[in-house]
Amino acid sequence: MTEPFAPRVPDGATARGYSRSLMTATPGSALIRMDHALLRSTRRTLGETPAVPVAQALSSFGEHALGWLTLGAAGWLSGRRRDDWVAGTAGVIAAHAAGVVIKRVVRRVRPMLDDVPALVSTPSRLSFPSAHSCSTAAAAIGFGPMLGRPPMAAVTGVMLVSRVLLGVHYPSDVVSGAALGAGVATVVRRRMTRTAGRKA
């Protein structure tokens, strides 16, 4: 099955023409059409609201997972539940790394729609999966027991929407990233918990 991913934009192609060529040339065009429709509807709905500066702040916070790593370090320094903070932080690191590796293998390019321009800069043109979504979902799993699962789940949802609103990820990128991040963090947490139990 051919996925609707491309390693690079053909030379001389406009953003609109390239997007149209993807939609008509690949078996996964239905997914692309849905991604494009959600990108446009999200921008139309939230593009002129305070959600944009909030999304831009979250983009800075989540870049390279640094905000979540800082939170994990602060939790460890608090002296409470240090093993849990270490496990949660390890899950964030592993999830972010997994997202970066998969992104470099898949090489899906970021959205390039004339009517949904990117509202933040990005370190690369690679889109799938969303590394912000990976690390945030991992933080929800790892830090949820200390900070509360409902608030962390809500933050994850806001982060996912923010990446689409900013025009730097397709909805399928953020959903896949969240699933990957949650899965990796769950595995890391379980293994570290078992290891700690054996040592005790």
N, C-alpha and C. Protein backbone atom coordinates (compact mmCIF):
# COMPACT_ATOMS: atom_id res chain seq x y z
N MET A 1 0.85 -1.20 0.00
CA MET A 1 0.00 0.00 0.00
C MET A 1 0.88 1.25 0.00
N THR A 2 0.66 2.11 -0.92
CA THR A 2 1.45 3.34 -1.02
C THR A 2 0.89 4.39 -0.11
N GLU A 3 1.75 4.96 0.73
CA GLU A 3 1.32 6.00 1.65
C GLU A 3 1.46 7.36 0.97
N PRO A 4 0.66 8.35 1.38
CA PRO A 4 0.72 9.67 0.74
C PRO A 4 1.85 10.52 1.27
N PHE A 5 3.07 9.97 1.22
CA PHE A 5 4.21 10.68 1.71
C PHE A 5 5.19 10.89 0.57
N ALA A 6 5.94 11.97 0.61
CA ALA A 6 6.89 12.26 -0.46
C ALA A 6 8.19 12.74 0.14
N PRO A 7 9.33 12.35 -0.42
CA PRO A 7 10.61 12.73 0.15
C PRO A 7 10.96 14.19 -0.05
N ARG A 8 10.46 14.84 -1.11
CA ARG A 8 10.82 16.23 -1.36
C ARG A 8 9.82 16.84 -2.33
N VAL A 9 9.81 18.16 -2.38
CA VAL A 9 8.94 18.85 -3.31
C VAL A 9 9.64 18.89 -4.66
N PRO A 10 8.97 18.52 -5.75
CA PRO A 10 9.60 18.58 -7.06
C PRO A 10 10.04 20.00 -7.38
N ASP A 11 11.21 20.12 -8.04
CA ASP A 11 11.73 21.43 -8.40
C ASP A 11 10.73 22.19 -9.24
N GLY A 12 10.51 23.46 -8.87
CA GLY A 12 9.65 24.32 -9.66
C GLY A 12 8.18 24.18 -9.36
N ALA A 13 7.79 23.24 -8.49
CA ALA A 13 6.37 23.05 -8.20
C ALA A 13 5.91 24.12 -7.23
N THR A 14 4.74 24.67 -7.45
CA THR A 14 4.16 25.60 -6.48
C THR A 14 3.53 24.78 -5.37
N ALA A 15 3.31 25.44 -4.22
CA ALA A 15 2.70 24.72 -3.10
C ALA A 15 1.34 24.18 -3.50
N ARG A 16 0.55 25.00 -4.19
CA ARG A 16 -0.79 24.55 -4.55
C ARG A 16 -0.74 23.42 -5.56
N GLY A 17 0.14 23.55 -6.56
CA GLY A 17 0.23 22.51 -7.58
C GLY A 17 0.74 21.21 -7.01
N TYR A 18 1.70 21.31 -6.09
CA TYR A 18 2.24 20.12 -5.47
C TYR A 18 1.17 19.41 -4.65
N SER A 19 0.41 20.17 -3.86
CA SER A 19 -0.65 19.57 -3.07
C SER A 19 -1.68 18.91 -3.97
N ARG A 20 -2.03 19.60 -5.10
CA ARG A 20 -3.02 19.03 -6.00
C ARG A 20 -2.51 17.74 -6.64
N SER A 21 -1.20 17.72 -6.97
CA SER A 21 -0.65 16.52 -7.59
C SER A 21 -0.68 15.35 -6.63
N LEU A 22 -0.43 15.61 -5.35
CA LEU A 22 -0.52 14.55 -4.36
C LEU A 22 -1.94 14.00 -4.27
N MET A 23 -2.91 14.90 -4.30
CA MET A 23 -4.29 14.50 -4.13
C MET A 23 -4.77 13.63 -5.29
N THR A 24 -4.24 13.86 -6.49
CA THR A 24 -4.74 13.13 -7.64
C THR A 24 -3.88 11.94 -8.01
N ALA A 25 -2.65 11.88 -7.48
CA ALA A 25 -1.72 10.87 -7.97
C ALA A 25 -1.52 9.70 -7.02
N THR A 26 -2.01 9.76 -5.82
CA THR A 26 -1.72 8.71 -4.86
C THR A 26 -2.99 7.99 -4.43
N PRO A 27 -2.86 6.68 -4.12
CA PRO A 27 -4.02 5.92 -3.63
C PRO A 27 -4.56 6.48 -2.32
N GLY A 28 -3.72 7.19 -1.54
CA GLY A 28 -4.16 7.71 -0.26
C GLY A 28 -4.76 9.10 -0.35
N SER A 29 -5.24 9.49 -1.53
CA SER A 29 -5.71 10.86 -1.72
C SER A 29 -6.89 11.20 -0.81
N ALA A 30 -7.68 10.22 -0.42
CA ALA A 30 -8.80 10.50 0.48
C ALA A 30 -8.28 11.02 1.82
N LEU A 31 -7.19 10.44 2.31
CA LEU A 31 -6.58 10.91 3.55
C LEU A 31 -6.06 12.33 3.37
N ILE A 32 -5.44 12.60 2.24
CA ILE A 32 -4.91 13.94 1.99
C ILE A 32 -6.03 14.96 1.94
N ARG A 33 -7.11 14.62 1.28
CA ARG A 33 -8.25 15.55 1.21
C ARG A 33 -8.80 15.83 2.59
N MET A 34 -8.89 14.80 3.42
CA MET A 34 -9.39 14.99 4.78
C MET A 34 -8.42 15.86 5.59
N ASP A 35 -7.12 15.59 5.45
CA ASP A 35 -6.11 16.40 6.13
C ASP A 35 -6.22 17.87 5.71
N HIS A 36 -6.34 18.10 4.42
CA HIS A 36 -6.43 19.48 3.92
C HIS A 36 -7.70 20.16 4.42
N ALA A 37 -8.80 19.42 4.41
CA ALA A 37 -10.06 20.02 4.86
C ALA A 37 -9.99 20.40 6.33
N LEU A 38 -9.38 19.55 7.16
CA LEU A 38 -9.26 19.85 8.58
C LEU A 38 -8.29 21.00 8.84
N LEU A 39 -7.22 21.05 8.06
CA LEU A 39 -6.29 22.18 8.17
C LEU A 39 -7.02 23.49 7.91
N ARG A 40 -7.78 23.52 6.84
CA ARG A 40 -8.47 24.75 6.46
C ARG A 40 -9.56 25.12 7.46
N SER A 41 -10.31 24.14 7.91
CA SER A 41 -11.40 24.45 8.84
C SER A 41 -10.86 24.90 10.19
N THR A 42 -9.74 24.33 10.62
CA THR A 42 -9.13 24.76 11.89
C THR A 42 -8.64 26.19 11.79
N ARG A 43 -8.00 26.54 10.67
CA ARG A 43 -7.51 27.90 10.50
C ARG A 43 -8.68 28.89 10.40
N ARG A 44 -9.73 28.50 9.68
CA ARG A 44 -10.88 29.41 9.56
C ARG A 44 -11.54 29.65 10.91
N THR A 45 -11.60 28.60 11.73
CA THR A 45 -12.29 28.70 13.01
C THR A 45 -11.47 29.43 14.06
N LEU A 46 -10.18 29.18 14.11
CA LEU A 46 -9.34 29.69 15.21
C LEU A 46 -8.29 30.70 14.77
N GLY A 47 -8.15 30.91 13.47
CA GLY A 47 -7.04 31.72 12.97
C GLY A 47 -7.05 33.17 13.38
N GLU A 48 -8.21 33.71 13.75
CA GLU A 48 -8.29 35.12 14.16
C GLU A 48 -8.63 35.24 15.64
N THR A 49 -8.21 34.28 16.43
CA THR A 49 -8.54 34.26 17.85
C THR A 49 -7.26 34.21 18.68
N PRO A 50 -7.37 34.38 20.01
CA PRO A 50 -6.19 34.27 20.87
C PRO A 50 -5.55 32.87 20.87
N ALA A 51 -6.22 31.92 20.22
CA ALA A 51 -5.63 30.58 20.13
C ALA A 51 -4.30 30.59 19.40
N VAL A 52 -4.11 31.54 18.49
CA VAL A 52 -2.87 31.57 17.70
C VAL A 52 -1.65 31.88 18.59
N PRO A 53 -1.64 32.96 19.39
CA PRO A 53 -0.47 33.18 20.25
C PRO A 53 -0.28 32.07 21.28
N VAL A 54 -1.38 31.47 21.74
CA VAL A 54 -1.25 30.33 22.65
C VAL A 54 -0.54 29.18 21.94
N ALA A 55 -0.95 28.91 20.70
CA ALA A 55 -0.33 27.83 19.92
C ALA A 55 1.15 28.13 19.66
N GLN A 56 1.48 29.38 19.40
CA GLN A 56 2.87 29.75 19.17
C GLN A 56 3.71 29.57 20.44
N ALA A 57 3.12 29.89 21.58
CA ALA A 57 3.83 29.68 22.85
C ALA A 57 4.05 28.19 23.11
N LEU A 58 3.04 27.38 22.81
CA LEU A 58 3.19 25.93 22.97
C LEU A 58 4.23 25.37 22.02
N SER A 59 4.32 25.96 20.83
CA SER A 59 5.33 25.51 19.88
C SER A 59 6.73 25.72 20.44
N SER A 60 6.96 26.88 21.04
CA SER A 60 8.26 27.16 21.65
C SER A 60 8.51 26.24 22.83
N PHE A 61 7.49 26.04 23.65
CA PHE A 61 7.62 25.18 24.84
C PHE A 61 7.99 23.76 24.44
N GLY A 62 7.36 23.25 23.39
CA GLY A 62 7.54 21.85 23.02
C GLY A 62 8.68 21.57 22.07
N GLU A 63 9.37 22.61 21.58
CA GLU A 63 10.44 22.39 20.61
C GLU A 63 11.53 21.51 21.19
N HIS A 64 11.82 20.41 20.51
CA HIS A 64 12.81 19.42 20.96
C HIS A 64 12.48 18.88 22.35
N ALA A 65 11.19 18.98 22.75
CA ALA A 65 10.72 18.47 24.05
C ALA A 65 11.35 19.19 25.23
N LEU A 66 11.96 20.36 25.00
CA LEU A 66 12.71 21.02 26.07
C LEU A 66 11.82 21.46 27.23
N GLY A 67 10.61 21.92 26.93
CA GLY A 67 9.71 22.31 28.00
C GLY A 67 9.37 21.15 28.92
N TRP A 68 9.11 20.00 28.31
CA TRP A 68 8.76 18.82 29.12
C TRP A 68 9.97 18.30 29.88
N LEU A 69 11.14 18.38 29.29
CA LEU A 69 12.34 17.95 30.00
C LEU A 69 12.63 18.87 31.19
N THR A 70 12.38 20.15 31.00
CA THR A 70 12.56 21.10 32.11
C THR A 70 11.58 20.81 33.24
N LEU A 71 10.34 20.49 32.86
CA LEU A 71 9.34 20.14 33.87
C LEU A 71 9.75 18.88 34.62
N GLY A 72 10.26 17.89 33.90
CA GLY A 72 10.71 16.67 34.55
C GLY A 72 11.84 16.92 35.52
N ALA A 73 12.78 17.80 35.11
CA ALA A 73 13.89 18.14 36.01
C ALA A 73 13.40 18.86 37.25
N ALA A 74 12.43 19.76 37.06
CA ALA A 74 11.88 20.49 38.21
C ALA A 74 11.17 19.53 39.16
N GLY A 75 10.46 18.56 38.61
CA GLY A 75 9.79 17.57 39.45
C GLY A 75 10.79 16.77 40.26
N TRP A 76 11.88 16.37 39.61
CA TRP A 76 12.92 15.60 40.31
C TRP A 76 13.54 16.44 41.42
N LEU A 77 13.80 17.72 41.12
CA LEU A 77 14.41 18.60 42.12
C LEU A 77 13.50 18.87 43.31
N SER A 78 12.19 18.66 43.11
CA SER A 78 11.26 18.87 44.23
C SER A 78 11.48 17.85 45.34
N GLY A 79 12.12 16.73 45.00
CA GLY A 79 12.42 15.72 46.01
C GLY A 79 11.29 14.73 46.26
N ARG A 80 10.16 14.92 45.60
CA ARG A 80 9.01 14.03 45.79
C ARG A 80 8.85 13.12 44.58
N ARG A 81 8.68 11.83 44.85
CA ARG A 81 8.43 10.83 43.80
C ARG A 81 9.49 10.90 42.70
N ARG A 82 10.71 10.93 43.12
CA ARG A 82 11.80 11.11 42.17
C ARG A 82 11.86 9.99 41.13
N ASP A 83 11.61 8.76 41.54
CA ASP A 83 11.64 7.66 40.58
C ASP A 83 10.57 7.85 39.50
N ASP A 84 9.42 8.34 39.90
CA ASP A 84 8.35 8.57 38.92
C ASP A 84 8.72 9.69 37.94
N TRP A 85 9.35 10.73 38.45
CA TRP A 85 9.77 11.82 37.57
C TRP A 85 10.84 11.36 36.60
N VAL A 86 11.75 10.52 37.07
CA VAL A 86 12.80 9.99 36.19
C VAL A 86 12.17 9.12 35.10
N ALA A 87 11.23 8.26 35.50
CA ALA A 87 10.58 7.40 34.51
C ALA A 87 9.80 8.22 33.50
N GLY A 88 9.10 9.24 33.97
CA GLY A 88 8.33 10.08 33.06
C GLY A 88 9.23 10.83 32.09
N THR A 89 10.33 11.35 32.59
CA THR A 89 11.26 12.08 31.73
C THR A 89 11.91 11.15 30.72
N ALA A 90 12.27 9.95 31.15
CA ALA A 90 12.85 8.97 30.23
C ALA A 90 11.85 8.63 29.12
N GLY A 91 10.57 8.56 29.47
CA GLY A 91 9.56 8.29 28.45
C GLY A 91 9.45 9.41 27.43
N VAL A 92 9.56 10.65 27.90
CA VAL A 92 9.53 11.80 26.98
C VAL A 92 10.71 11.75 26.03
N ILE A 93 11.89 11.47 26.56
CA ILE A 93 13.09 11.41 25.72
C ILE A 93 12.95 10.30 24.68
N ALA A 94 12.51 9.12 25.12
CA ALA A 94 12.38 8.00 24.20
C ALA A 94 11.33 8.26 23.13
N ALA A 95 10.22 8.86 23.53
CA ALA A 95 9.15 9.14 22.57
C ALA A 95 9.59 10.17 21.54
N HIS A 96 10.26 11.21 22.02
CA HIS A 96 10.73 12.24 21.08
C HIS A 96 11.74 11.64 20.10
N ALA A 97 12.65 10.83 20.62
CA ALA A 97 13.65 10.20 19.75
C ALA A 97 12.99 9.29 18.72
N ALA A 98 11.99 8.53 19.15
CA ALA A 98 11.29 7.64 18.22
C ALA A 98 10.60 8.45 17.12
N GLY A 99 9.99 9.56 17.50
CA GLY A 99 9.34 10.41 16.51
C GLY A 99 10.31 10.97 15.50
N VAL A 100 11.48 11.40 15.96
CA VAL A 100 12.49 11.97 15.06
C VAL A 100 13.01 10.90 14.10
N VAL A 101 13.25 9.71 14.61
CA VAL A 101 13.74 8.63 13.75
C VAL A 101 12.72 8.29 12.67
N ILE A 102 11.47 8.11 13.07
CA ILE A 102 10.43 7.77 12.10
C ILE A 102 10.25 8.90 11.08
N LYS A 103 10.32 10.13 11.56
CA LYS A 103 10.19 11.28 10.66
C LYS A 103 11.25 11.24 9.56
N ARG A 104 12.48 10.88 9.92
CA ARG A 104 13.56 10.85 8.95
C ARG A 104 13.44 9.66 8.00
N VAL A 105 12.76 8.61 8.43
CA VAL A 105 12.55 7.46 7.56
C VAL A 105 11.40 7.72 6.59
N VAL A 106 10.28 8.22 7.11
CA VAL A 106 9.08 8.42 6.28
C VAL A 106 9.25 9.62 5.35
N ARG A 107 9.75 10.72 5.87
CA ARG A 107 10.04 11.93 5.09
C ARG A 107 8.81 12.54 4.42
N ARG A 108 7.72 12.57 5.12
CA ARG A 108 6.55 13.30 4.62
C ARG A 108 6.81 14.79 4.76
N VAL A 109 6.51 15.55 3.73
CA VAL A 109 6.76 16.99 3.80
C VAL A 109 5.61 17.68 4.52
N ARG A 110 5.92 18.83 5.13
CA ARG A 110 4.91 19.59 5.87
C ARG A 110 3.85 20.16 4.92
N PRO A 111 2.70 20.54 5.48
CA PRO A 111 1.65 21.14 4.65
C PRO A 111 2.17 22.37 3.91
N MET A 112 1.72 22.51 2.68
CA MET A 112 2.10 23.68 1.87
C MET A 112 0.87 24.18 1.13
N LEU A 113 -0.07 24.73 1.88
CA LEU A 113 -1.30 25.26 1.29
C LEU A 113 -1.22 26.78 1.28
N ASP A 114 -1.50 27.37 0.13
CA ASP A 114 -1.42 28.82 0.02
C ASP A 114 -2.32 29.54 1.02
N ASP A 115 -3.48 28.93 1.31
CA ASP A 115 -4.43 29.59 2.21
C ASP A 115 -4.25 29.19 3.66
N VAL A 116 -3.27 28.35 3.96
CA VAL A 116 -2.95 27.99 5.35
C VAL A 116 -1.43 28.10 5.54
N PRO A 117 -0.89 29.31 5.46
CA PRO A 117 0.56 29.45 5.63
C PRO A 117 0.99 29.12 7.06
N ALA A 118 2.20 28.64 7.20
CA ALA A 118 2.73 28.32 8.53
C ALA A 118 2.86 29.60 9.35
N LEU A 119 2.49 29.52 10.63
CA LEU A 119 2.54 30.68 11.51
C LEU A 119 3.72 30.64 12.47
N VAL A 120 4.55 29.60 12.35
CA VAL A 120 5.80 29.52 13.12
C VAL A 120 6.86 28.90 12.21
N SER A 121 8.11 29.14 12.55
CA SER A 121 9.19 28.48 11.82
C SER A 121 9.37 27.06 12.35
N THR A 122 9.97 26.20 11.54
CA THR A 122 10.19 24.82 11.94
C THR A 122 11.65 24.44 11.65
N PRO A 123 12.22 23.54 12.44
CA PRO A 123 13.62 23.17 12.24
C PRO A 123 13.85 22.31 11.00
N SER A 124 12.80 21.71 10.47
CA SER A 124 12.94 20.89 9.26
C SER A 124 11.64 20.93 8.47
N ARG A 125 11.66 20.37 7.28
CA ARG A 125 10.46 20.31 6.45
C ARG A 125 9.72 18.98 6.63
N LEU A 126 10.18 18.15 7.56
CA LEU A 126 9.58 16.83 7.74
C LEU A 126 8.41 16.91 8.70
N SER A 127 7.38 16.11 8.41
CA SER A 127 6.09 16.32 9.08
C SER A 127 5.58 15.13 9.88
N PHE A 128 5.85 13.90 9.45
CA PHE A 128 5.21 12.73 10.06
C PHE A 128 6.21 11.89 10.82
N PRO A 129 5.92 11.62 12.11
CA PRO A 129 4.83 12.14 12.93
C PRO A 129 5.23 13.47 13.56
N SER A 130 4.28 14.11 14.22
CA SER A 130 4.56 15.36 14.93
C SER A 130 5.36 15.05 16.19
N ALA A 131 6.58 15.57 16.26
CA ALA A 131 7.41 15.34 17.44
C ALA A 131 6.84 16.04 18.67
N HIS A 132 6.22 17.21 18.47
CA HIS A 132 5.55 17.89 19.59
C HIS A 132 4.47 17.00 20.18
N SER A 133 3.72 16.35 19.32
CA SER A 133 2.64 15.47 19.80
C SER A 133 3.21 14.24 20.49
N CYS A 134 4.31 13.70 19.96
CA CYS A 134 4.96 12.55 20.60
C CYS A 134 5.36 12.87 22.03
N SER A 135 6.11 13.95 22.19
CA SER A 135 6.63 14.27 23.52
C SER A 135 5.53 14.70 24.49
N THR A 136 4.51 15.39 23.97
CA THR A 136 3.44 15.84 24.86
C THR A 136 2.60 14.67 25.35
N ALA A 137 2.27 13.75 24.46
CA ALA A 137 1.52 12.57 24.88
C ALA A 137 2.34 11.73 25.85
N ALA A 138 3.64 11.66 25.60
CA ALA A 138 4.51 10.92 26.52
C ALA A 138 4.53 11.59 27.89
N ALA A 139 4.56 12.92 27.90
CA ALA A 139 4.52 13.64 29.18
C ALA A 139 3.20 13.40 29.91
N ALA A 140 2.12 13.31 29.15
CA ALA A 140 0.82 13.04 29.78
C ALA A 140 0.82 11.70 30.48
N ILE A 141 1.44 10.71 29.85
CA ILE A 141 1.53 9.37 30.45
C ILE A 141 2.48 9.39 31.65
N GLY A 142 3.65 9.99 31.47
CA GLY A 142 4.67 9.94 32.50
C GLY A 142 4.46 10.87 33.67
N PHE A 143 3.93 12.06 33.40
CA PHE A 143 3.76 13.04 34.46
C PHE A 143 2.33 13.08 35.01
N GLY A 144 1.42 12.42 34.33
CA GLY A 144 0.03 12.40 34.76
C GLY A 144 -0.17 11.95 36.20
N PRO A 145 0.53 10.91 36.64
CA PRO A 145 0.33 10.46 38.03
C PRO A 145 0.70 11.53 39.07
N MET A 146 1.62 12.44 38.72
CA MET A 146 2.02 13.49 39.65
C MET A 146 1.23 14.78 39.47
N LEU A 147 0.89 15.11 38.23
CA LEU A 147 0.24 16.39 37.95
C LEU A 147 -1.26 16.28 37.70
N GLY A 148 -1.74 15.05 37.58
CA GLY A 148 -3.16 14.82 37.31
C GLY A 148 -3.36 14.41 35.86
N ARG A 149 -4.01 13.28 35.66
CA ARG A 149 -4.20 12.79 34.30
C ARG A 149 -5.14 13.66 33.46
N PRO A 150 -6.28 14.11 34.01
CA PRO A 150 -7.17 14.95 33.19
C PRO A 150 -6.50 16.24 32.68
N PRO A 151 -5.78 16.98 33.55
CA PRO A 151 -5.12 18.19 33.03
C PRO A 151 -4.08 17.88 31.95
N MET A 152 -3.33 16.80 32.13
CA MET A 152 -2.32 16.46 31.14
C MET A 152 -2.95 15.99 29.83
N ALA A 153 -4.07 15.29 29.94
CA ALA A 153 -4.78 14.88 28.73
C ALA A 153 -5.30 16.11 27.99
N ALA A 154 -5.79 17.09 28.74
CA ALA A 154 -6.28 18.32 28.12
C ALA A 154 -5.16 19.08 27.42
N VAL A 155 -4.00 19.16 28.06
CA VAL A 155 -2.85 19.83 27.45
C VAL A 155 -2.44 19.12 26.16
N THR A 156 -2.49 17.81 26.17
CA THR A 156 -2.16 17.05 24.96
C THR A 156 -3.10 17.40 23.83
N GLY A 157 -4.39 17.45 24.13
CA GLY A 157 -5.36 17.81 23.11
C GLY A 157 -5.12 19.19 22.54
N VAL A 158 -4.81 20.14 23.41
CA VAL A 158 -4.54 21.51 22.96
C VAL A 158 -3.28 21.54 22.09
N MET A 159 -2.26 20.80 22.48
CA MET A 159 -1.03 20.76 21.69
C MET A 159 -1.31 20.21 20.29
N LEU A 160 -2.09 19.15 20.21
CA LEU A 160 -2.39 18.56 18.91
C LEU A 160 -3.11 19.56 18.00
N VAL A 161 -4.12 20.21 18.54
CA VAL A 161 -4.86 21.20 17.74
C VAL A 161 -3.95 22.35 17.35
N SER A 162 -3.05 22.74 18.25
CA SER A 162 -2.18 23.88 17.98
C SER A 162 -1.27 23.63 16.78
N ARG A 163 -0.80 22.41 16.62
CA ARG A 163 0.10 22.11 15.50
C ARG A 163 -0.62 22.22 14.16
N VAL A 164 -1.90 21.84 14.16
CA VAL A 164 -2.70 21.97 12.95
C VAL A 164 -3.04 23.44 12.70
N LEU A 165 -3.43 24.14 13.76
CA LEU A 165 -3.76 25.56 13.64
C LEU A 165 -2.60 26.36 13.06
N LEU A 166 -1.39 26.05 13.49
CA LEU A 166 -0.22 26.78 13.02
C LEU A 166 0.16 26.41 11.59
N GLY A 167 -0.46 25.39 11.06
CA GLY A 167 -0.21 25.01 9.68
C GLY A 167 1.08 24.26 9.44
N VAL A 168 1.64 23.65 10.49
CA VAL A 168 2.92 22.96 10.34
C VAL A 168 2.78 21.44 10.37
N HIS A 169 1.57 20.95 10.62
CA HIS A 169 1.34 19.51 10.61
C HIS A 169 -0.05 19.20 10.08
N TYR A 170 -0.17 18.06 9.44
CA TYR A 170 -1.47 17.52 9.08
C TYR A 170 -2.11 16.90 10.32
N PRO A 171 -3.44 16.83 10.38
CA PRO A 171 -4.08 16.15 11.50
C PRO A 171 -3.60 14.71 11.68
N SER A 172 -3.35 14.01 10.58
CA SER A 172 -2.87 12.62 10.70
C SER A 172 -1.48 12.57 11.33
N ASP A 173 -0.68 13.63 11.15
CA ASP A 173 0.64 13.68 11.80
C ASP A 173 0.50 13.74 13.32
N VAL A 174 -0.42 14.58 13.79
CA VAL A 174 -0.51 14.80 15.23
C VAL A 174 -1.18 13.61 15.93
N VAL A 175 -2.17 13.01 15.29
CA VAL A 175 -2.82 11.84 15.90
C VAL A 175 -1.82 10.68 15.97
N SER A 176 -1.08 10.46 14.89
CA SER A 176 -0.08 9.39 14.89
C SER A 176 1.01 9.67 15.90
N GLY A 177 1.44 10.92 15.99
CA GLY A 177 2.46 11.27 16.96
C GLY A 177 2.02 11.03 18.39
N ALA A 178 0.78 11.39 18.69
CA ALA A 178 0.27 11.18 20.05
C ALA A 178 0.20 9.69 20.38
N ALA A 179 -0.26 8.89 19.43
CA ALA A 179 -0.34 7.45 19.66
C ALA A 179 1.04 6.86 19.89
N LEU A 180 2.00 7.29 19.07
CA LEU A 180 3.37 6.80 19.23
C LEU A 180 3.95 7.23 20.58
N GLY A 181 3.80 8.49 20.93
CA GLY A 181 4.36 8.98 22.18
C GLY A 181 3.77 8.29 23.40
N ALA A 182 2.45 8.10 23.40
CA ALA A 182 1.80 7.43 24.53
C ALA A 182 2.26 5.99 24.63
N GLY A 183 2.38 5.32 23.48
CA GLY A 183 2.82 3.93 23.50
C GLY A 183 4.23 3.76 24.01
N VAL A 184 5.14 4.60 23.51
CA VAL A 184 6.53 4.51 23.95
C VAL A 184 6.65 4.83 25.44
N ALA A 185 5.97 5.87 25.89
CA ALA A 185 6.06 6.25 27.30
C ALA A 185 5.50 5.17 28.21
N THR A 186 4.43 4.52 27.78
CA THR A 186 3.85 3.44 28.58
C THR A 186 4.83 2.29 28.74
N VAL A 187 5.49 1.92 27.65
CA VAL A 187 6.47 0.83 27.70
C VAL A 187 7.63 1.20 28.60
N VAL A 188 8.15 2.41 28.45
CA VAL A 188 9.28 2.86 29.26
C VAL A 188 8.91 2.87 30.73
N ARG A 189 7.75 3.40 31.04
CA ARG A 189 7.32 3.49 32.45
C ARG A 189 7.19 2.10 33.08
N ARG A 190 6.58 1.18 32.34
CA ARG A 190 6.41 -0.17 32.87
C ARG A 190 7.75 -0.84 33.12
N ARG A 191 8.66 -0.71 32.19
CA ARG A 191 9.96 -1.36 32.35
C ARG A 191 10.74 -0.77 33.51
N MET A 192 10.70 0.57 33.63
CA MET A 192 11.44 1.19 34.73
C MET A 192 10.80 0.88 36.07
N THR A 193 9.49 0.76 36.10
CA THR A 193 8.80 0.41 37.35
C THR A 193 9.16 -1.01 37.78
N ARG A 194 9.20 -1.94 36.80
CA ARG A 194 9.57 -3.32 37.12
C ARG A 194 11.01 -3.39 37.60
N THR A 195 11.90 -2.62 36.95
CA THR A 195 13.30 -2.62 37.35
C THR A 195 13.46 -2.10 38.77
N ALA A 196 12.74 -1.01 39.08
CA ALA A 196 12.80 -0.45 40.43
C ALA A 196 12.26 -1.43 41.45
N GLY A 197 11.21 -2.18 41.09
CA GLY A 197 10.62 -3.16 41.99
C GLY A 197 11.59 -4.28 42.31
N ARG A 198 12.33 -4.73 41.28
CA ARG A 198 13.31 -5.79 41.50
C ARG A 198 14.44 -5.34 42.40
N LYS A 199 14.87 -4.08 42.24
CA LYS A 199 15.94 -3.57 43.06
C LYS A 199 15.51 -3.41 44.52
N ALA A 200 14.22 -3.07 44.70
CA ALA A 200 13.72 -2.92 46.06
C ALA A 200 13.63 -4.27 46.74
